[in-house]
């Protein structure tokens, strides 16, 4: 029960954050892209298209209803066991705080939306 409340609160905060972020969408997009390129692209590829080291994040499997924003936060902060792909486990990513991770997620969600995933 406690975990569900935390997930729900985090989801509400994330939605509110993204609504406020729309006022600065281009700034958030460019900052998120720069952070993604620095910390994620070597495995997940340019524009999150995937590589031989990691899956594409612009993919229907990562639709927000299946992998919520908190799933991305947990993958960054804790790492994640391989469960959809055969690339191996994802290690936790050092050097990304909550704000930087939010900007990366903003960037990824915009890429997904532009690709018609949601």
Protein backbone atom coordinates (compact mmCIF):
# COMPACT_ATOMS: atom_id res chain seq x y z
CA UNK A 1 0.00 0.00 0.00
CA UNK A 2 2.77 2.44 0.95
CA UNK A 3 4.61 1.72 -2.31
CA UNK A 4 1.43 2.43 -4.32
CA UNK A 5 0.95 5.75 -2.57
CA UNK A 6 4.55 6.73 -3.30
CA UNK A 7 4.19 5.73 -6.96
CA UNK A 8 0.92 7.66 -7.23
CA UNK A 9 2.39 10.78 -5.62
CA UNK A 10 5.46 10.58 -7.83
CA UNK A 11 3.26 10.22 -10.91
CA UNK A 12 1.20 13.28 -9.94
CA UNK A 13 4.33 15.33 -9.32
CA UNK A 14 5.76 14.21 -12.66
CA UNK A 15 2.59 15.20 -14.52
CA UNK A 16 2.56 18.61 -12.82
CA UNK A 17 6.23 19.04 -13.63
CA UNK A 18 5.62 18.31 -17.30
CA UNK A 19 2.67 20.70 -17.45
CA UNK A 20 4.86 23.45 -16.04
CA UNK A 21 7.69 22.40 -18.33
CA UNK A 22 5.58 23.07 -21.43
CA UNK A 23 6.20 26.78 -20.90
CA UNK A 24 9.89 26.08 -21.44
CA UNK A 25 9.52 23.10 -23.76
CA UNK A 26 12.39 23.91 -26.11
CA UNK A 27 14.81 24.61 -23.27
CA UNK A 28 13.85 21.35 -21.54
CA UNK A 29 14.05 19.46 -24.82
CA UNK A 30 17.55 20.68 -25.63
CA UNK A 31 18.82 20.14 -22.07
CA UNK A 32 17.27 16.66 -22.00
CA UNK A 33 18.80 15.79 -25.36
CA UNK A 34 22.26 16.92 -24.22
CA UNK A 35 22.00 14.86 -21.03
CA UNK A 36 20.67 11.85 -22.95
CA UNK A 37 23.54 12.10 -25.44
CA UNK A 38 26.07 12.26 -22.62
CA UNK A 39 24.68 9.50 -20.40
CA UNK A 40 22.45 7.21 -22.45
CA UNK A 41 23.17 7.28 -26.17
CA UNK A 42 26.18 4.97 -26.12
CA UNK A 43 23.81 2.10 -25.30
CA UNK A 44 20.39 3.34 -26.42
CA UNK A 45 21.56 5.07 -29.58
CA UNK A 46 21.09 8.39 -31.29
CA UNK A 47 17.55 9.69 -30.78
CA UNK A 48 16.94 6.59 -28.60
CA UNK A 49 16.84 4.31 -31.67
CA UNK A 50 18.83 1.51 -29.96
CA UNK A 51 22.24 -0.08 -30.58
CA UNK A 52 23.76 -3.51 -30.25
CA UNK A 53 24.31 -2.63 -26.55
CA UNK A 54 20.81 -1.48 -25.60
CA UNK A 55 17.21 -1.39 -26.77
CA UNK A 56 15.44 1.45 -28.54
CA UNK A 57 13.54 3.62 -26.08
CA UNK A 58 11.39 5.02 -28.86
CA UNK A 59 9.43 1.79 -28.99
CA UNK A 60 5.86 0.82 -28.07
CA UNK A 61 7.18 -1.31 -25.17
CA UNK A 62 8.10 1.97 -23.45
CA UNK A 63 4.65 3.50 -23.84
CA UNK A 64 3.91 5.47 -20.65
CA UNK A 65 1.10 3.06 -19.72
CA UNK A 66 3.56 0.14 -19.67
CA UNK A 67 6.75 1.89 -18.49
CA UNK A 68 5.83 4.95 -16.49
CA UNK A 69 8.24 7.77 -15.81
CA UNK A 70 9.04 6.26 -12.44
CA UNK A 71 10.21 3.11 -14.26
CA UNK A 72 12.81 5.22 -16.05
CA UNK A 73 13.84 6.89 -12.78
CA UNK A 74 14.24 3.52 -11.09
CA UNK A 75 16.27 2.16 -14.01
CA UNK A 76 18.65 5.11 -13.76
CA UNK A 77 19.00 5.09 -9.97
CA UNK A 78 18.90 1.33 -9.30
CA UNK A 79 19.61 -0.35 -12.60
CA UNK A 80 17.21 -2.92 -14.00
CA UNK A 81 17.24 -6.63 -14.76
CA UNK A 82 16.78 -7.49 -18.43
CA UNK A 83 13.14 -8.40 -19.02
CA UNK A 84 12.05 -7.41 -22.56
CA UNK A 85 15.29 -7.64 -24.49
CA UNK A 86 18.45 -9.73 -24.57
CA UNK A 87 20.98 -6.96 -24.01
CA UNK A 88 21.73 -7.90 -20.42
CA UNK A 89 21.01 -5.96 -17.26
CA UNK A 90 21.18 -2.18 -17.22
CA UNK A 91 23.52 -0.82 -14.53
CA UNK A 92 22.55 2.18 -12.46
CA UNK A 93 23.79 5.40 -14.01
CA UNK A 94 26.02 7.61 -11.90
CA UNK A 95 25.97 11.39 -12.21
CA UNK A 96 22.24 11.79 -12.84
CA UNK A 97 20.15 13.40 -10.14
CA UNK A 98 16.35 13.55 -10.21
CA UNK A 99 16.22 16.82 -12.17
CA UNK A 100 18.60 15.61 -14.86
CA UNK A 101 16.69 12.34 -15.14
CA UNK A 102 13.40 14.26 -15.51
CA UNK A 103 14.88 16.24 -18.39
CA UNK A 104 16.00 13.03 -20.10
CA UNK A 105 12.53 11.55 -19.64
CA UNK A 106 10.99 14.73 -21.06
CA UNK A 107 13.22 14.34 -24.12
CA UNK A 108 12.36 10.64 -24.51
CA UNK A 109 8.62 11.21 -24.16
CA UNK A 110 8.73 13.94 -26.81
CA UNK A 111 10.59 11.58 -29.16
CA UNK A 112 8.01 8.89 -28.47
CA UNK A 113 5.12 11.29 -29.03
CA UNK A 114 6.66 12.55 -32.27
CA UNK A 115 6.99 8.91 -33.41
CA UNK A 116 3.27 8.32 -32.74
CA UNK A 117 3.76 5.94 -29.81
CA UNK A 118 1.23 7.91 -27.77
